[in-house]
Amino acid sequence: MRNLFILFFLSSILSALQNSSTKENRNLISFPKDIETNTSMNRWLNSHFGLEPYKENYLLLLGYRKSSYKSYIPTDVYTNVESELQISLKLNVKNNILGLDEKYYLSYSHHSFWQIYSSSSPFRETIYNPEAFVIFPISDSSIFNLSSLKIAMAHRSNGQGDNRNIDTNITEVFDIE
């Protein structure tokens, strides 16, 4: 029961993050006697602190794999049924430093595989993926039909050092849109 509550809570957070960039500004609180407080509180409640969704944000309640997972620690036994969670956010930190209308971002993605259906509910694997990137717009779209060029520096790790290796191939060093 505790695990289902945690899953519900996490899915509510993901839903709020995903919808934060599409909501219209609303007056959520009304302080009729103090206009300055009313304006300030509504601005704070409607803001998203600069954070935006980056990659897909999701909570997969049930995932199944035909073969068993191999653990790097002999005492760890994982089932082939688990939940999967990914949270990914980006923050625009600067614009137009070089005068090319470019945008500079920092992002963080957190991807976890959760053995929620086993007795102790451990996380089988958690992958941390911080990233810094810049997007250069391309004004002349006649060149290969491109609208922008993205150059990124990323790190992908499970936080376990050399004793637990994950696939660290960075698939998005240069991204052309």
C-alpha atoms as a PDB file:
ATOM      1  CA  MET A   1       0.000   0.000   0.000  1.00  0.00           C
ATOM      2  CA  ARG A   2       2.886   2.358   0.840  1.00  0.00           C
ATOM      3  CA  ASN A   3       4.429   1.746  -2.576  1.00  0.00           C
ATOM      4  CA  LEU A   4       1.189   2.529  -4.396  1.00  0.00           C
ATOM      5  CA  PHE A   5       0.913   5.819  -2.492  1.00  0.00           C
ATOM      6  CA  ILE A   6       4.483   6.698  -3.501  1.00  0.00           C
ATOM      7  CA  LEU A   7       3.719   5.864  -7.151  1.00  0.00           C
ATOM      8  CA  PHE A   8       0.578   8.022  -7.063  1.00  0.00           C
ATOM      9  CA  PHE A   9       2.541  10.898  -5.523  1.00  0.00           C
ATOM     10  CA  LEU A  10       5.328  10.654  -8.128  1.00  0.00           C
ATOM     11  CA  SER A  11       2.857  10.466 -11.009  1.00  0.00           C
ATOM     12  CA  SER A  12       1.115  13.607  -9.689  1.00  0.00           C
ATOM     13  CA  ILE A  13       4.441  15.464  -9.636  1.00  0.00           C
ATOM     14  CA  LEU A  14       5.282  14.332 -13.180  1.00  0.00           C
ATOM     15  CA  SER A  15       1.877  15.388 -14.416  1.00  0.00           C
ATOM     16  CA  ALA A  16       2.253  18.816 -12.824  1.00  0.00           C
ATOM     17  CA  LEU A  17       5.721  19.268 -14.367  1.00  0.00           C
ATOM     18  CA  GLN A  18       4.506  18.221 -17.804  1.00  0.00           C
ATOM     19  CA  ASN A  19       1.525  20.588 -17.683  1.00  0.00           C
ATOM     20  CA  SER A  20       3.360  23.544 -16.115  1.00  0.00           C
ATOM     21  CA  SER A  21       4.530  24.948 -19.431  1.00  0.00           C
ATOM     22  CA  THR A  22       1.058  24.854 -21.018  1.00  0.00           C
ATOM     23  CA  LYS A  23      -1.109  26.365 -18.258  1.00  0.00           C
ATOM     24  CA  GLU A  24      -2.561  29.801 -18.671  1.00  0.00           C
ATOM     25  CA  ASN A  25      -1.863  32.357 -15.961  1.00  0.00           C
ATOM     26  CA  ARG A  26      -4.656  32.308 -13.429  1.00  0.00           C
ATOM     27  CA  ASN A  27      -5.433  34.232 -10.284  1.00  0.00           C
ATOM     28  CA  LEU A  28      -5.122  31.488  -7.708  1.00  0.00           C
ATOM     29  CA  ILE A  29      -5.259  33.671  -4.591  1.00  0.00           C
ATOM     30  CA  SER A  30      -7.136  36.865  -4.008  1.00  0.00           C
ATOM     31  CA  PHE A  31      -6.141  39.414  -1.351  1.00  0.00           C
ATOM     32  CA  PRO A  32      -8.556  42.281  -2.002  1.00  0.00           C
ATOM     33  CA  LYS A  33      -7.094  44.624   0.637  1.00  0.00           C
ATOM     34  CA  ASP A  34      -3.434  44.368  -0.451  1.00  0.00           C
ATOM     35  CA  ILE A  35      -2.962  44.664  -4.220  1.00  0.00           C
ATOM     36  CA  GLU A  36       0.840  44.432  -4.042  1.00  0.00           C
ATOM     37  CA  THR A  37       0.710  41.166  -2.057  1.00  0.00           C
ATOM     38  CA  ASN A  38      -1.966  39.804  -4.397  1.00  0.00           C
ATOM     39  CA  THR A  39       0.161  40.586  -7.479  1.00  0.00           C
ATOM     40  CA  SER A  40       3.321  39.179  -5.928  1.00  0.00           C
ATOM     41  CA  MET A  41       1.674  35.940  -4.725  1.00  0.00           C
ATOM     42  CA  ASN A  42      -0.044  35.321  -8.058  1.00  0.00           C
ATOM     43  CA  ARG A  43       3.209  35.932  -9.961  1.00  0.00           C
ATOM     44  CA  TRP A  44       4.996  33.440  -7.679  1.00  0.00           C
ATOM     45  CA  LEU A  45       2.212  30.808  -7.945  1.00  0.00           C
ATOM     46  CA  ASN A  46       2.070  31.082 -11.743  1.00  0.00           C
ATOM     47  CA  SER A  47       5.833  30.950 -12.246  1.00  0.00           C
ATOM     48  CA  HIS A  48       7.766  27.798 -13.080  1.00  0.00           C
ATOM     49  CA  PHE A  49      11.136  29.090 -11.782  1.00  0.00           C
ATOM     50  CA  GLY A  50      12.605  28.719 -15.253  1.00  0.00           C
ATOM     51  CA  LEU A  51      12.409  24.919 -15.205  1.00  0.00           C
ATOM     52  CA  GLU A  52      10.879  23.238 -18.232  1.00  0.00           C
ATOM     53  CA  PRO A  53      10.412  19.600 -19.255  1.00  0.00           C
ATOM     54  CA  TYR A  54      13.339  18.373 -21.353  1.00  0.00           C
ATOM     55  CA  LYS A  55      13.183  14.710 -22.355  1.00  0.00           C
ATOM     56  CA  GLU A  56      10.102  12.587 -21.710  1.00  0.00           C
ATOM     57  CA  ASN A  57       8.829  12.601 -18.118  1.00  0.00           C
ATOM     58  CA  TYR A  58       6.984   9.422 -17.260  1.00  0.00           C
ATOM     59  CA  LEU A  59       6.124   6.787 -14.712  1.00  0.00           C
ATOM     60  CA  LEU A  60       5.656   3.284 -16.086  1.00  0.00           C
ATOM     61  CA  LEU A  61       3.831   1.295 -13.408  1.00  0.00           C
ATOM     62  CA  LEU A  62       4.484  -2.136 -14.866  1.00  0.00           C
ATOM     63  CA  GLY A  63       7.363  -3.224 -17.060  1.00  0.00           C
ATOM     64  CA  TYR A  64       8.239  -6.804 -17.938  1.00  0.00           C
ATOM     65  CA  ARG A  65      11.366  -8.377 -19.370  1.00  0.00           C
ATOM     66  CA  LYS A  66      11.530 -11.981 -20.615  1.00  0.00           C
ATOM     67  CA  SER A  67      14.996 -12.719 -19.227  1.00  0.00           C
ATOM     68  CA  SER A  68      16.140 -12.106 -15.649  1.00  0.00           C
ATOM     69  CA  TYR A  69      18.306  -9.152 -14.733  1.00  0.00           C
ATOM     70  CA  LYS A  70      21.933  -9.884 -13.961  1.00  0.00           C
ATOM     71  CA  SER A  71      23.188  -8.239 -10.807  1.00  0.00           C
ATOM     72  CA  TYR A  72      26.765  -7.139 -10.308  1.00  0.00           C
ATOM     73  CA  ILE A  73      26.408  -7.974  -6.619  1.00  0.00           C
ATOM     74  CA  PRO A  74      25.874 -11.736  -6.099  1.00  0.00           C
ATOM     75  CA  THR A  75      23.422 -11.267  -3.201  1.00  0.00           C
ATOM     76  CA  ASP A  76      21.069  -9.017  -5.184  1.00  0.00           C
ATOM     77  CA  VAL A  77      18.181 -10.900  -6.772  1.00  0.00           C
ATOM     78  CA  TYR A  78      15.942  -8.936  -9.123  1.00  0.00           C
ATOM     79  CA  THR A  79      12.636  -9.959 -10.635  1.00  0.00           C
ATOM     80  CA  ASN A  80      11.783  -9.316 -14.268  1.00  0.00           C
ATOM     81  CA  VAL A  81       8.762  -7.166 -13.326  1.00  0.00           C
ATOM     82  CA  GLU A  82       9.368  -3.588 -12.193  1.00  0.00           C
ATOM     83  CA  SER A  83       8.350   0.055 -12.511  1.00  0.00           C
ATOM     84  CA  GLU A  84      10.280   2.678 -14.424  1.00  0.00           C
ATOM     85  CA  LEU A  85      10.498   6.402 -13.725  1.00  0.00           C
ATOM     86  CA  GLN A  86      12.115   9.257 -15.631  1.00  0.00           C
ATOM     87  CA  ILE A  87      12.239  12.915 -14.657  1.00  0.00           C
ATOM     88  CA  SER A  88      13.971  15.345 -16.999  1.00  0.00           C
ATOM     89  CA  LEU A  89      14.172  19.134 -16.647  1.00  0.00           C
ATOM     90  CA  LYS A  90      16.076  21.929 -18.343  1.00  0.00           C
ATOM     91  CA  LEU A  91      16.893  25.503 -17.380  1.00  0.00           C
ATOM     92  CA  ASN A  92      17.698  28.328 -19.787  1.00  0.00           C
ATOM     93  CA  VAL A  93      20.713  30.067 -18.225  1.00  0.00           C
ATOM     94  CA  LYS A  94      21.744  32.618 -20.858  1.00  0.00           C
ATOM     95  CA  ASN A  95      20.867  33.885 -24.317  1.00  0.00           C
ATOM     96  CA  ASN A  96      22.731  35.539 -27.185  1.00  0.00           C
ATOM     97  CA  ILE A  97      26.283  35.684 -25.786  1.00  0.00           C
ATOM     98  CA  LEU A  98      27.854  35.453 -29.251  1.00  0.00           C
ATOM     99  CA  GLY A  99      25.198  37.563 -30.967  1.00  0.00           C
ATOM    100  CA  LEU A 100      23.827  34.607 -32.961  1.00  0.00           C
ATOM    101  CA  ASP A 101      20.498  34.369 -31.046  1.00  0.00           C
ATOM    102  CA  GLU A 102      21.808  31.179 -29.408  1.00  0.00           C
ATOM    103  CA  LYS A 103      20.371  29.790 -26.140  1.00  0.00           C
ATOM    104  CA  TYR A 104      22.378  28.135 -23.368  1.00  0.00           C
ATOM    105  CA  TYR A 105      20.821  25.433 -21.188  1.00  0.00           C
ATOM    106  CA  LEU A 106      21.591  23.171 -18.253  1.00  0.00           C
ATOM    107  CA  SER A 107      19.558  19.992 -17.887  1.00  0.00           C
ATOM    108  CA  TYR A 108      19.230  17.003 -15.620  1.00  0.00           C
ATOM    109  CA  SER A 109      17.574  13.659 -16.318  1.00  0.00           C
ATOM    110  CA  HIS A 110      17.014  10.994 -13.681  1.00  0.00           C
ATOM    111  CA  HIS A 111      16.028   7.503 -14.870  1.00  0.00           C
ATOM    112  CA  SER A 112      15.252   4.789 -12.295  1.00  0.00           C
ATOM    113  CA  PHE A 113      14.210   1.149 -12.491  1.00  0.00           C
ATOM    114  CA  TRP A 114      12.257   0.291  -9.347  1.00  0.00           C
ATOM    115  CA  GLN A 115      11.630  -3.267  -8.158  1.00  0.00           C
ATOM    116  CA  ILE A 116       8.385  -2.117  -6.545  1.00  0.00           C
ATOM    117  CA  TYR A 117       6.697  -5.522  -6.742  1.00  0.00           C
ATOM    118  CA  SER A 118       9.374  -7.358  -4.716  1.00  0.00           C
ATOM    119  CA  SER A 119       9.379  -7.493  -0.927  1.00  0.00           C
ATOM    120  CA  SER A 120      11.932  -4.753  -0.114  1.00  0.00           C
ATOM    121  CA  SER A 121      11.278  -2.629  -3.247  1.00  0.00           C
ATOM    122  CA  PRO A 122      14.882  -1.664  -4.087  1.00  0.00           C
ATOM    123  CA  PHE A 123      15.917   0.465  -7.028  1.00  0.00           C
ATOM    124  CA  ARG A 124      17.661  -1.925  -9.411  1.00  0.00           C
ATOM    125  CA  GLU A 125      19.361   0.845 -11.367  1.00  0.00           C
ATOM    126  CA  THR A 126      19.373   4.632 -11.268  1.00  0.00           C
ATOM    127  CA  ILE A 127      20.961   6.607 -14.080  1.00  0.00           C
ATOM    128  CA  TYR A 128      22.001  10.232 -13.619  1.00  0.00           C
ATOM    129  CA  ASN A 129      22.387  12.370 -16.743  1.00  0.00           C
ATOM    130  CA  PRO A 130      23.461  16.026 -16.300  1.00  0.00           C
ATOM    131  CA  GLU A 131      23.957  17.977 -19.509  1.00  0.00           C
ATOM    132  CA  ALA A 132      24.968  21.425 -20.764  1.00  0.00           C
ATOM    133  CA  PHE A 133      24.062  22.482 -24.276  1.00  0.00           C
ATOM    134  CA  VAL A 134      23.715  25.414 -26.601  1.00  0.00           C
ATOM    135  CA  ILE A 135      21.195  25.729 -29.444  1.00  0.00           C
ATOM    136  CA  PHE A 136      22.093  27.855 -32.459  1.00  0.00           C
ATOM    137  CA  PRO A 137      19.145  28.793 -34.682  1.00  0.00           C
ATOM    138  CA  ILE A 138      19.668  28.551 -38.438  1.00  0.00           C
ATOM    139  CA  SER A 139      17.884  31.326 -40.264  1.00  0.00           C
ATOM    140  CA  ASP A 140      18.452  29.960 -43.766  1.00  0.00           C
ATOM    141  CA  SER A 141      16.455  26.711 -43.723  1.00  0.00           C
ATOM    142  CA  SER A 142      17.316  25.938 -47.350  1.00  0.00           C
ATOM    143  CA  ILE A 143      20.501  24.191 -46.131  1.00  0.00           C
ATOM    144  CA  PHE A 144      19.316  20.604 -45.570  1.00  0.00           C
ATOM    145  CA  ASN A 145      16.010  21.981 -44.235  1.00  0.00           C
ATOM    146  CA  LEU A 146      17.541  22.667 -40.781  1.00  0.00           C
ATOM    147  CA  SER A 147      16.111  25.015 -38.181  1.00  0.00           C
ATOM    148  CA  SER A 148      18.775  24.721 -35.462  1.00  0.00           C
ATOM    149  CA  LEU A 149      22.046  23.144 -34.394  1.00  0.00           C
ATOM    150  CA  LYS A 150      22.499  21.789 -30.890  1.00  0.00           C
ATOM    151  CA  ILE A 151      25.938  21.186 -29.357  1.00  0.00           C
ATOM    152  CA  ALA A 152      25.950  19.378 -26.030  1.00  0.00           C
ATOM    153  CA  MET A 153      28.246  18.034 -23.367  1.00  0.00           C
ATOM    154  CA  ALA A 154      26.667  15.265 -21.293  1.00  0.00           C
ATOM    155  CA  HIS A 155      27.595  12.816 -18.579  1.00  0.00           C
ATOM    156  CA  ARG A 156      25.720   9.578 -17.951  1.00  0.00           C
ATOM    157  CA  SER A 157      26.396   7.530 -14.829  1.00  0.00           C
ATOM    158  CA  ASN A 158      24.781   5.148 -12.393  1.00  0.00           C
ATOM    159  CA  GLY A 159      26.837   6.609  -9.563  1.00  0.00           C
ATOM    160  CA  GLN A 160      28.545   3.301  -8.779  1.00  0.00           C
ATOM    161  CA  GLY A 161      32.051   3.949 -10.091  1.00  0.00           C
ATOM    162  CA  ASP A 162      33.807   1.186 -12.021  1.00  0.00           C
ATOM    163  CA  ASN A 163      32.157  -1.762 -10.300  1.00  0.00           C
ATOM    164  CA  ARG A 164      28.795  -1.280 -12.069  1.00  0.00           C
ATOM    165  CA  ASN A 165      29.017  -0.228 -15.694  1.00  0.00           C
ATOM    166  CA  ILE A 166      26.110   1.046 -17.752  1.00  0.00           C
ATOM    167  CA  ASP A 167      25.921   1.852 -21.423  1.00  0.00           C
ATOM    168  CA  THR A 168      27.560   5.279 -21.427  1.00  0.00           C
ATOM    169  CA  ASN A 169      27.233   5.960 -25.135  1.00  0.00           C
ATOM    170  CA  ILE A 170      26.166   9.544 -25.573  1.00  0.00           C
ATOM    171  CA  THR A 171      23.734   9.581 -28.426  1.00  0.00           C
ATOM    172  CA  GLU A 172      23.137  13.311 -28.505  1.00  0.00           C
ATOM    173  CA  VAL A 173      26.415  15.181 -28.858  1.00  0.00           C
ATOM    174  CA  PHE A 174      25.391  16.992 -32.022  1.00  0.00           C
ATOM    175  CA  ASP A 175      21.670  17.262 -32.572  1.00  0.00           C
ATOM    176  CA  ILE A 176      20.394  18.849 -35.753  1.00  0.00           C
ATOM    177  CA  GLU A 177      16.738  19.802 -35.883  1.00  0.00           C
END
